[in-house]
């Protein structure tokens, strides 16, 4: 049974930083690309970042480029999202997701097979 468990969310002031983690189990982690998505209150879930199976390629939403960095540790079956210079509009529930890697990074949530339960990030102004 595949499980993705996010952690590291919390309340932070604007301009601050948070590091999210996602621990994966029940899958051959090094064969999966991973993504981070977020959902703000009253809005649809949106793409944040994605990383290839090896970690050699990443993709980011324009809204987070230069502020967020996604990484992975295949030895620990984990992915991370380092979030710097946080803004109130970054507030939301952050989800990690997994899909078998086929050479392309996807920003569409429909492309991902497995999802975590999410972790809340709140950025105060």
Protein backbone atom coordinates (compact mmCIF):
# COMPACT_ATOMS: atom_id res chain seq x y z
CA UNK A 1 0.00 0.00 0.00
CA UNK A 2 1.43 3.30 -1.10
CA UNK A 3 1.61 6.00 1.55
CA UNK A 4 2.75 9.60 1.24
CA UNK A 5 2.96 11.54 4.49
CA UNK A 6 3.63 15.26 4.50
CA UNK A 7 5.06 17.19 7.43
CA UNK A 8 6.64 20.52 8.25
CA UNK A 9 3.71 22.84 7.77
CA UNK A 10 2.84 25.58 10.23
CA UNK A 11 2.31 29.27 10.81
CA UNK A 12 4.99 31.69 9.66
CA UNK A 13 5.23 35.43 9.11
CA UNK A 14 5.58 36.87 5.64
CA UNK A 15 9.19 36.79 4.55
CA UNK A 16 9.90 33.69 6.60
CA UNK A 17 10.79 30.15 5.58
CA UNK A 18 9.46 26.64 5.98
CA UNK A 19 10.70 23.24 4.83
CA UNK A 20 8.11 20.65 3.97
CA UNK A 21 8.88 16.95 3.86
CA UNK A 22 7.07 14.05 2.27
CA UNK A 23 7.91 10.50 3.32
CA UNK A 24 6.98 7.76 0.86
CA UNK A 25 6.46 4.05 1.43
CA UNK A 26 5.04 1.10 -0.46
CA UNK A 27 6.54 2.04 -3.83
CA UNK A 28 9.85 1.85 -5.65
CA UNK A 29 10.57 5.46 -4.85
CA UNK A 30 13.45 5.94 -7.28
CA UNK A 31 11.11 5.10 -10.18
CA UNK A 32 8.66 7.87 -9.39
CA UNK A 33 8.61 11.53 -10.14
CA UNK A 34 7.15 13.61 -7.34
CA UNK A 35 5.12 16.76 -7.23
CA UNK A 36 4.01 19.36 -4.73
CA UNK A 37 0.58 20.96 -5.09
CA UNK A 38 -1.32 23.38 -2.89
CA UNK A 39 -4.90 24.40 -2.32
CA UNK A 40 -5.87 27.75 -0.87
CA UNK A 41 -9.28 28.23 0.79
CA UNK A 42 -11.99 28.52 -1.83
CA UNK A 43 -9.61 27.80 -4.68
CA UNK A 44 -8.71 24.83 -6.79
CA UNK A 45 -5.61 22.80 -6.09
CA UNK A 46 -2.65 24.10 -8.09
CA UNK A 47 0.77 22.90 -9.13
CA UNK A 48 3.78 24.12 -7.16
CA UNK A 49 6.79 22.02 -8.18
CA UNK A 50 7.86 18.66 -9.57
CA UNK A 51 11.06 16.64 -9.58
CA UNK A 52 12.24 13.76 -11.71
CA UNK A 53 12.94 10.27 -10.37
CA UNK A 54 16.69 10.90 -10.09
CA UNK A 55 16.30 14.47 -8.89
CA UNK A 56 18.17 15.80 -11.88
CA UNK A 57 15.26 17.80 -13.27
CA UNK A 58 12.82 20.13 -11.57
CA UNK A 59 9.90 22.29 -12.63
CA UNK A 60 8.24 25.15 -10.79
CA UNK A 61 5.12 27.25 -11.04
CA UNK A 62 5.92 30.82 -12.02
CA UNK A 63 4.51 32.06 -8.72
CA UNK A 64 7.19 30.24 -6.69
CA UNK A 65 10.24 30.36 -8.98
CA UNK A 66 13.25 31.76 -7.20
CA UNK A 67 11.66 31.28 -3.78
CA UNK A 68 10.92 27.55 -3.52
CA UNK A 69 13.31 24.64 -4.07
CA UNK A 70 12.26 21.02 -4.43
CA UNK A 71 14.70 18.22 -3.71
CA UNK A 72 14.67 14.51 -2.96
CA UNK A 73 16.68 11.88 -1.15
CA UNK A 74 16.09 8.49 -2.73
CA UNK A 75 18.00 6.75 0.06
CA UNK A 76 15.42 8.07 2.52
CA UNK A 77 12.38 7.82 0.23
CA UNK A 78 11.66 11.47 0.82
CA UNK A 79 11.10 14.71 -1.02
CA UNK A 80 11.38 18.20 0.34
CA UNK A 81 10.11 21.65 -0.47
CA UNK A 82 12.20 24.50 0.87
CA UNK A 83 10.05 27.62 0.89
CA UNK A 84 11.71 31.00 1.36
CA UNK A 85 10.43 34.57 1.21
CA UNK A 86 6.94 33.32 1.97
CA UNK A 87 3.96 35.48 1.11
CA UNK A 88 0.40 35.43 2.46
CA UNK A 89 -0.75 34.12 -0.94
CA UNK A 90 1.35 30.99 -0.31
CA UNK A 91 -1.15 30.00 2.38
CA UNK A 92 -2.89 26.68 1.78
CA UNK A 93 -2.78 22.95 2.25
CA UNK A 94 0.29 21.49 0.58
CA UNK A 95 0.13 18.00 -0.90
CA UNK A 96 2.81 15.74 -2.29
CA UNK A 97 2.00 13.40 -5.13
CA UNK A 98 3.72 10.60 -7.03
CA UNK A 99 3.59 9.15 -10.52
CA UNK A 100 5.71 6.64 -12.37
CA UNK A 101 8.40 8.60 -14.14
CA UNK A 102 8.38 8.38 -17.92
CA UNK A 103 10.78 11.17 -18.81
CA UNK A 104 8.40 14.10 -18.44
CA UNK A 105 7.53 16.30 -15.50
CA UNK A 106 3.82 17.06 -15.20
CA UNK A 107 2.04 20.00 -13.65
CA UNK A 108 -1.45 18.54 -14.05
CA UNK A 109 -2.76 16.85 -10.92
CA UNK A 110 -4.61 14.31 -13.06
CA UNK A 111 -1.26 12.83 -14.07
CA UNK A 112 -0.37 11.79 -10.53
CA UNK A 113 -1.35 8.41 -9.16
CA UNK A 114 -0.80 8.77 -5.43
CA UNK A 115 -1.46 11.59 -3.00
CA UNK A 116 -0.72 12.46 0.59
CA UNK A 117 -3.19 13.92 3.06
CA UNK A 118 -1.63 17.37 3.06
CA UNK A 119 -0.02 19.74 5.53
CA UNK A 120 -1.28 23.23 6.33
CA UNK A 121 0.91 26.25 5.64
CA UNK A 122 -0.29 29.62 6.89
CA UNK A 123 1.62 32.81 6.12
CA UNK A 124 0.58 35.85 8.12
CA UNK A 125 1.04 39.39 6.86
